[in-house]
Amino acid sequence: MSQKKDDYILGLDIGTNSCGWAAADKKNNLLKLRGKTAIGSHLFEEGHSAADRRGFRTPRRRLKRRKWRLGLLEEIFAEPMAEVDSSFFVRLHQSWVSPLDKDRKKYAAIVFPTAKEDAKFYQKYPTI
């Protein structure tokens, strides 16, 4: 069996880090709810800006796009480069590895296909 309640007004105050409420009748008298005055508030932790997360996201996206573009260029130039130097892209991907690294792949040279050509180049141009 349900009882018909009188009409009431619910007032809300929603802020950036708080929410307040009050219940009143049509004559603006505060109502009672479970024996207590129907008024209250709740405080939240202050919101944080997304700038910090955006700061990490931007370089990650930039590097991902750069890697994608370089892969696309490599795909476009794979056949013409294979005619000139079949091991160019393999050496390019290995160029960051130290020549002293024991796990280095089969290409000992970085710029040219053979270590002899590489050594001659570095003697002629020592600053590179």
N, C-alpha and C. Protein backbone atom coordinates (compact mmCIF):
# COMPACT_ATOMS: atom_id res chain seq x y z
N MET A 1 0.85 -1.16 0.00
CA MET A 1 0.00 0.00 0.00
C MET A 1 0.91 1.23 0.00
N SER A 2 0.69 2.11 -0.91
CA SER A 2 1.55 3.31 -1.02
C SER A 2 0.80 4.53 -0.53
N GLN A 3 1.56 5.40 0.10
CA GLN A 3 0.98 6.65 0.57
C GLN A 3 1.34 7.74 -0.41
N LYS A 4 0.42 8.66 -0.62
CA LYS A 4 0.70 9.80 -1.49
C LYS A 4 1.42 10.85 -0.67
N LYS A 5 2.61 11.24 -1.13
CA LYS A 5 3.41 12.25 -0.44
C LYS A 5 3.05 13.61 -1.02
N ASP A 6 3.24 14.64 -0.21
CA ASP A 6 3.01 16.00 -0.69
C ASP A 6 4.13 16.37 -1.66
N ASP A 7 3.84 17.34 -2.52
CA ASP A 7 4.87 17.81 -3.45
C ASP A 7 6.00 18.46 -2.66
N TYR A 8 7.20 18.33 -3.18
CA TYR A 8 8.36 18.94 -2.55
C TYR A 8 9.31 19.47 -3.61
N ILE A 9 10.25 20.27 -3.17
CA ILE A 9 11.26 20.87 -4.05
C ILE A 9 12.62 20.32 -3.64
N LEU A 10 13.38 19.90 -4.59
CA LEU A 10 14.73 19.41 -4.33
C LEU A 10 15.70 20.42 -4.94
N GLY A 11 16.54 21.00 -4.10
CA GLY A 11 17.52 21.98 -4.57
C GLY A 11 18.91 21.35 -4.61
N LEU A 12 19.61 21.53 -5.72
CA LEU A 12 20.96 20.99 -5.88
C LEU A 12 21.94 22.12 -6.16
N ASP A 13 23.11 22.00 -5.59
CA ASP A 13 24.20 22.92 -5.87
C ASP A 13 25.40 22.06 -6.24
N ILE A 14 25.70 22.00 -7.53
CA ILE A 14 26.78 21.14 -8.00
C ILE A 14 27.96 22.03 -8.38
N GLY A 15 29.06 21.85 -7.68
CA GLY A 15 30.28 22.62 -7.94
C GLY A 15 31.38 21.74 -8.52
N THR A 16 32.58 22.28 -8.61
CA THR A 16 33.70 21.54 -9.19
C THR A 16 34.20 20.44 -8.27
N ASN A 17 34.13 20.65 -6.96
CA ASN A 17 34.56 19.60 -6.04
C ASN A 17 33.60 19.42 -4.87
N SER A 18 32.31 19.77 -5.07
CA SER A 18 31.32 19.55 -4.02
C SER A 18 29.93 19.46 -4.64
N CYS A 19 29.02 18.87 -3.87
CA CYS A 19 27.63 18.76 -4.30
C CYS A 19 26.77 18.97 -3.05
N GLY A 20 25.87 19.95 -3.08
CA GLY A 20 24.99 20.24 -1.95
C GLY A 20 23.54 19.99 -2.35
N TRP A 21 22.70 19.65 -1.37
CA TRP A 21 21.30 19.39 -1.65
C TRP A 21 20.43 19.78 -0.46
N ALA A 22 19.17 20.05 -0.75
CA ALA A 22 18.19 20.36 0.29
C ALA A 22 16.80 20.04 -0.25
N ALA A 23 15.92 19.59 0.63
CA ALA A 23 14.54 19.27 0.25
C ALA A 23 13.61 20.17 1.05
N ALA A 24 12.66 20.80 0.35
CA ALA A 24 11.72 21.74 1.01
C ALA A 24 10.32 21.50 0.45
N ASP A 25 9.32 21.94 1.24
CA ASP A 25 7.95 21.84 0.73
C ASP A 25 7.64 23.06 -0.12
N LYS A 26 6.40 23.18 -0.57
CA LYS A 26 6.01 24.29 -1.45
C LYS A 26 6.12 25.64 -0.76
N LYS A 27 6.15 25.67 0.57
CA LYS A 27 6.25 26.93 1.30
C LYS A 27 7.70 27.21 1.73
N ASN A 28 8.66 26.48 1.16
CA ASN A 28 10.09 26.63 1.42
C ASN A 28 10.49 26.29 2.86
N ASN A 29 9.74 25.42 3.49
CA ASN A 29 10.13 24.91 4.81
C ASN A 29 10.94 23.62 4.58
N LEU A 30 12.09 23.52 5.25
CA LEU A 30 12.91 22.31 5.08
C LEU A 30 12.16 21.10 5.59
N LEU A 31 12.25 20.02 4.85
CA LEU A 31 11.59 18.77 5.23
C LEU A 31 12.49 17.93 6.11
N LYS A 32 11.88 16.95 6.75
CA LYS A 32 12.62 15.99 7.57
C LYS A 32 12.66 14.67 6.80
N LEU A 33 13.84 14.02 6.88
CA LEU A 33 14.02 12.73 6.22
C LEU A 33 14.63 11.79 7.25
N ARG A 34 13.87 10.75 7.65
CA ARG A 34 14.31 9.80 8.67
C ARG A 34 14.67 10.50 9.98
N GLY A 35 13.90 11.51 10.34
CA GLY A 35 14.07 12.21 11.59
C GLY A 35 15.11 13.31 11.57
N LYS A 36 15.76 13.53 10.43
CA LYS A 36 16.79 14.58 10.32
C LYS A 36 16.37 15.57 9.26
N THR A 37 16.87 16.80 9.38
CA THR A 37 16.58 17.82 8.38
C THR A 37 17.19 17.39 7.05
N ALA A 38 16.43 17.47 5.97
CA ALA A 38 16.85 17.00 4.65
C ALA A 38 17.73 18.04 3.96
N ILE A 39 18.96 18.14 4.43
CA ILE A 39 19.92 19.06 3.85
C ILE A 39 21.30 18.43 4.02
N GLY A 40 22.18 18.63 3.04
CA GLY A 40 23.52 18.06 3.18
C GLY A 40 24.42 18.43 2.02
N SER A 41 25.64 17.97 2.15
CA SER A 41 26.61 18.22 1.08
C SER A 41 27.64 17.10 1.08
N HIS A 42 28.33 16.99 -0.02
CA HIS A 42 29.39 16.01 -0.16
C HIS A 42 30.56 16.68 -0.85
N LEU A 43 31.74 16.54 -0.26
CA LEU A 43 32.95 17.12 -0.85
C LEU A 43 33.73 16.04 -1.59
N PHE A 44 34.23 16.40 -2.78
CA PHE A 44 35.04 15.50 -3.59
C PHE A 44 36.47 16.01 -3.64
N GLU A 45 37.36 15.11 -4.03
CA GLU A 45 38.74 15.53 -4.28
C GLU A 45 38.73 16.43 -5.51
N GLU A 46 39.54 17.44 -5.48
CA GLU A 46 39.60 18.40 -6.59
C GLU A 46 40.01 17.69 -7.88
N GLY A 47 39.38 18.05 -8.97
CA GLY A 47 39.70 17.47 -10.27
C GLY A 47 41.08 17.87 -10.75
N HIS A 48 41.67 17.00 -11.57
CA HIS A 48 43.00 17.26 -12.10
C HIS A 48 42.92 17.48 -13.60
N SER A 49 43.79 18.31 -14.08
CA SER A 49 43.84 18.62 -15.51
C SER A 49 44.40 17.42 -16.28
N ALA A 50 44.00 17.29 -17.53
CA ALA A 50 44.50 16.22 -18.38
C ALA A 50 45.84 16.58 -19.02
N ALA A 51 46.37 17.74 -18.71
CA ALA A 51 47.62 18.19 -19.33
C ALA A 51 48.78 17.24 -19.04
N ASP A 52 48.83 16.68 -17.85
CA ASP A 52 49.91 15.75 -17.52
C ASP A 52 49.87 14.52 -18.42
N ARG A 53 48.71 13.92 -18.56
CA ARG A 53 48.59 12.72 -19.40
C ARG A 53 48.82 13.08 -20.87
N ARG A 54 48.34 14.23 -21.28
CA ARG A 54 48.52 14.67 -22.66
C ARG A 54 50.01 14.84 -22.97
N GLY A 55 50.76 15.27 -21.96
CA GLY A 55 52.20 15.44 -22.12
C GLY A 55 52.91 14.14 -22.45
N PHE A 56 52.41 13.01 -21.96
CA PHE A 56 52.99 11.71 -22.28
C PHE A 56 52.46 11.19 -23.61
N ARG A 57 51.20 11.48 -23.89
CA ARG A 57 50.55 10.95 -25.08
C ARG A 57 51.10 11.56 -26.37
N THR A 58 51.38 12.86 -26.36
CA THR A 58 51.82 13.56 -27.57
C THR A 58 53.11 13.00 -28.15
N PRO A 59 54.19 12.86 -27.36
CA PRO A 59 55.41 12.29 -27.95
C PRO A 59 55.24 10.84 -28.39
N ARG A 60 54.42 10.09 -27.65
CA ARG A 60 54.20 8.69 -28.02
C ARG A 60 53.54 8.61 -29.40
N ARG A 61 52.55 9.45 -29.64
CA ARG A 61 51.89 9.46 -30.96
C ARG A 61 52.83 9.95 -32.05
N ARG A 62 53.62 10.98 -31.72
CA ARG A 62 54.55 11.53 -32.71
C ARG A 62 55.56 10.46 -33.13
N LEU A 63 56.13 9.72 -32.18
CA LEU A 63 57.10 8.68 -32.49
C LEU A 63 56.47 7.53 -33.26
N LYS A 64 55.24 7.18 -32.91
CA LYS A 64 54.54 6.11 -33.62
C LYS A 64 54.31 6.50 -35.08
N ARG A 65 53.90 7.73 -35.31
CA ARG A 65 53.67 8.20 -36.68
C ARG A 65 54.97 8.27 -37.46
N ARG A 66 56.05 8.70 -36.80
CA ARG A 66 57.36 8.76 -37.47
C ARG A 66 57.80 7.37 -37.88
N LYS A 67 57.65 6.39 -36.99
CA LYS A 67 58.02 5.02 -37.29
C LYS A 67 57.20 4.48 -38.46
N TRP A 68 55.91 4.80 -38.48
CA TRP A 68 55.04 4.37 -39.57
C TRP A 68 55.50 4.96 -40.89
N ARG A 69 55.83 6.28 -40.90
CA ARG A 69 56.28 6.94 -42.14
C ARG A 69 57.60 6.34 -42.64
N LEU A 70 58.53 6.08 -41.72
CA LEU A 70 59.80 5.48 -42.12
C LEU A 70 59.60 4.07 -42.69
N GLY A 71 58.68 3.31 -42.10
CA GLY A 71 58.35 1.98 -42.62
C GLY A 71 57.76 2.06 -44.01
N LEU A 72 56.91 3.06 -44.21
CA LEU A 72 56.30 3.26 -45.53
C LEU A 72 57.36 3.62 -46.56
N LEU A 73 58.28 4.51 -46.21
CA LEU A 73 59.37 4.86 -47.13
C LEU A 73 60.24 3.65 -47.45
N GLU A 74 60.52 2.85 -46.46
CA GLU A 74 61.33 1.65 -46.67
C GLU A 74 60.62 0.69 -47.62
N GLU A 75 59.31 0.57 -47.45
CA GLU A 75 58.52 -0.31 -48.32
C GLU A 75 58.55 0.20 -49.76
N ILE A 76 58.43 1.50 -49.94
CA ILE A 76 58.43 2.10 -51.29
C ILE A 76 59.78 1.90 -51.97
N PHE A 77 60.87 2.09 -51.21
CA PHE A 77 62.21 2.03 -51.80
C PHE A 77 62.87 0.66 -51.69
N ALA A 78 62.19 -0.37 -51.24
CA ALA A 78 62.79 -1.69 -51.05
C ALA A 78 63.34 -2.27 -52.35
N GLU A 79 62.54 -2.29 -53.40
CA GLU A 79 62.99 -2.88 -54.67
C GLU A 79 64.10 -2.08 -55.33
N PRO A 80 63.97 -0.75 -55.51
CA PRO A 80 65.08 0.00 -56.12
C PRO A 80 66.37 -0.10 -55.31
N MET A 81 66.27 -0.13 -53.98
CA MET A 81 67.46 -0.20 -53.15
C MET A 81 68.10 -1.58 -53.23
N ALA A 82 67.30 -2.63 -53.39
CA ALA A 82 67.82 -3.99 -53.49
C ALA A 82 68.69 -4.15 -54.74
N GLU A 83 68.37 -3.42 -55.80
CA GLU A 83 69.19 -3.47 -57.02
C GLU A 83 70.58 -2.89 -56.77
N VAL A 84 70.67 -1.85 -55.96
CA VAL A 84 71.94 -1.17 -55.69
C VAL A 84 72.69 -1.85 -54.55
N ASP A 85 72.01 -2.09 -53.43
CA ASP A 85 72.65 -2.66 -52.24
C ASP A 85 71.60 -3.47 -51.47
N SER A 86 71.67 -4.77 -51.57
CA SER A 86 70.63 -5.63 -50.98
C SER A 86 70.63 -5.61 -49.45
N SER A 87 71.75 -5.24 -48.84
CA SER A 87 71.82 -5.28 -47.38
C SER A 87 71.70 -3.89 -46.74
N PHE A 88 71.31 -2.88 -47.51
CA PHE A 88 71.26 -1.51 -46.99
C PHE A 88 70.32 -1.37 -45.79
N PHE A 89 69.09 -1.84 -45.92
CA PHE A 89 68.11 -1.66 -44.85
C PHE A 89 68.46 -2.50 -43.62
N VAL A 90 69.06 -3.65 -43.82
CA VAL A 90 69.49 -4.47 -42.67
C VAL A 90 70.57 -3.72 -41.90
N ARG A 91 71.55 -3.16 -42.61
CA ARG A 91 72.61 -2.40 -41.96
C ARG A 91 72.05 -1.14 -41.31
N LEU A 92 71.08 -0.52 -41.96
CA LEU A 92 70.46 0.69 -41.40
C LEU A 92 69.82 0.38 -40.05
N HIS A 93 69.12 -0.75 -39.96
CA HIS A 93 68.46 -1.13 -38.71
C HIS A 93 69.47 -1.55 -37.64
N GLN A 94 70.65 -2.00 -38.06
CA GLN A 94 71.69 -2.42 -37.13
C GLN A 94 72.67 -1.30 -36.80
N SER A 95 72.54 -0.14 -37.42
CA SER A 95 73.54 0.92 -37.28
C SER A 95 73.66 1.46 -35.85
N TRP A 96 72.63 1.35 -35.06
CA TRP A 96 72.69 1.88 -33.69
C TRP A 96 73.43 0.94 -32.74
N VAL A 97 73.63 -0.32 -33.16
CA VAL A 97 74.29 -1.30 -32.30
C VAL A 97 75.80 -1.09 -32.37
N SER A 98 76.46 -1.16 -31.25
CA SER A 98 77.91 -0.98 -31.18
C SER A 98 78.62 -2.10 -31.93
N PRO A 99 79.69 -1.78 -32.67
CA PRO A 99 80.46 -2.82 -33.36
C PRO A 99 81.07 -3.83 -32.38
N LEU A 100 81.20 -3.45 -31.12
CA LEU A 100 81.77 -4.35 -30.12
C LEU A 100 80.75 -5.32 -29.53
N ASP A 101 79.46 -5.11 -29.84
CA ASP A 101 78.40 -5.95 -29.30
C ASP A 101 78.50 -7.35 -29.91
N LYS A 102 78.56 -8.39 -29.06
CA LYS A 102 78.70 -9.77 -29.54
C LYS A 102 77.45 -10.29 -30.22
N ASP A 103 76.30 -9.69 -29.92
CA ASP A 103 75.04 -10.13 -30.51
C ASP A 103 74.75 -9.45 -31.85
N ARG A 104 75.67 -8.66 -32.33
CA ARG A 104 75.49 -7.95 -33.60
C ARG A 104 75.30 -8.96 -34.73
N LYS A 105 74.42 -8.64 -35.65
CA LYS A 105 74.11 -9.55 -36.75
C LYS A 105 75.31 -9.72 -37.68
N LYS A 106 75.13 -10.39 -38.80
CA LYS A 106 76.24 -10.79 -39.66
C LYS A 106 76.97 -9.64 -40.34
N TYR A 107 76.40 -8.42 -40.34
CA TYR A 107 77.04 -7.31 -41.04
C TYR A 107 77.93 -6.55 -40.06
N ALA A 108 79.24 -6.60 -40.27
CA ALA A 108 80.18 -5.91 -39.39
C ALA A 108 80.28 -4.43 -39.75
N ALA A 109 79.97 -4.09 -40.99
CA ALA A 109 80.07 -2.71 -41.44
C ALA A 109 78.76 -1.99 -41.19
N ILE A 110 78.84 -0.66 -41.13
CA ILE A 110 77.64 0.14 -40.88
C ILE A 110 77.20 0.87 -42.15
N VAL A 111 78.12 1.62 -42.75
CA VAL A 111 77.76 2.45 -43.91
C VAL A 111 77.82 1.66 -45.20
N PHE A 112 78.88 0.85 -45.39
CA PHE A 112 79.09 0.12 -46.64
C PHE A 112 78.94 -1.37 -46.41
N PRO A 113 78.77 -2.15 -47.48
CA PRO A 113 78.54 -3.59 -47.31
C PRO A 113 79.69 -4.35 -46.64
N THR A 114 80.94 -3.87 -46.80
CA THR A 114 82.07 -4.59 -46.19
C THR A 114 82.77 -3.72 -45.15
N ALA A 115 83.42 -4.37 -44.21
CA ALA A 115 84.13 -3.66 -43.15
C ALA A 115 85.32 -2.89 -43.72
N LYS A 116 85.92 -3.41 -44.79
CA LYS A 116 87.07 -2.75 -45.42
C LYS A 116 86.65 -1.39 -46.01
N GLU A 117 85.53 -1.39 -46.72
CA GLU A 117 85.02 -0.13 -47.28
C GLU A 117 84.62 0.85 -46.17
N ASP A 118 84.04 0.31 -45.12
CA ASP A 118 83.66 1.13 -43.97
C ASP A 118 84.88 1.81 -43.35
N ALA A 119 85.95 1.03 -43.12
CA ALA A 119 87.16 1.56 -42.51
C ALA A 119 87.79 2.65 -43.38
N LYS A 120 87.82 2.43 -44.69
CA LYS A 120 88.38 3.41 -45.62
C LYS A 120 87.58 4.72 -45.56
N PHE A 121 86.26 4.59 -45.51
CA PHE A 121 85.39 5.77 -45.44
C PHE A 121 85.65 6.57 -44.16
N TYR A 122 85.75 5.87 -43.02
CA TYR A 122 85.95 6.55 -41.74
C TYR A 122 87.35 7.15 -41.62
N GLN A 123 88.35 6.59 -42.36
CA GLN A 123 89.68 7.21 -42.37
C GLN A 123 89.66 8.51 -43.16
N LYS A 124 88.90 8.50 -44.27
CA LYS A 124 88.82 9.68 -45.11
C LYS A 124 87.99 10.79 -44.45
N TYR A 125 86.91 10.40 -43.78
CA TYR A 125 86.01 11.35 -43.12
C TYR A 125 85.89 11.00 -41.63
N PRO A 126 86.84 11.34 -40.82
CA PRO A 126 86.85 10.91 -39.41
C PRO A 126 85.78 11.56 -38.53
N THR A 127 85.19 12.67 -38.95
CA THR A 127 84.21 13.35 -38.10
C THR A 127 82.82 12.73 -38.20
N ILE A 128 82.59 11.91 -39.17
CA ILE A 128 81.26 11.32 -39.37
C ILE A 128 81.14 10.05 -38.56
